[in-house]
């Protein structure tokens, strides 16, 4: 019994450290109604604007980022390689512009603060009062 409980506690602690979670973030002045479907459509290039009509600027992390892999699989429901291939096809056919790739949560926050229409995602531990968190369920 102790072994089972110990295994459960170890697994819970280990998984919470490896997958800390992500938060979709926008500029604090972005007043658009944003839900899960809109986030998914924007990050897949199927929608180019927020509900207020402003064109969205998509920011993402590098493909080798664990946070990016988690986001792509959880929100976009695709593997990161498939997301990149999808975007390459959109760019090649002239139907989209590749999202800007950032190397850190801090860079993501800085770019969002510079552009009222930017949308991205950061680790939940990096969330601060500079950005507005979009609640998606």
Foldseek 3Di string as FASTA:
>chain_A
DVVVVVVVVVVVVVVCVLPVDKFKWAAPPDPFQDELVNVLCCLLLVDQATPVRHGAQEEEEDLVDPRRQVCCCPRNVDGSVVSVVSVVVCVVVVNDDDHHYDHAPVVVLVVRNVDRRYMYMHRPVPDDPRIDTRDYD
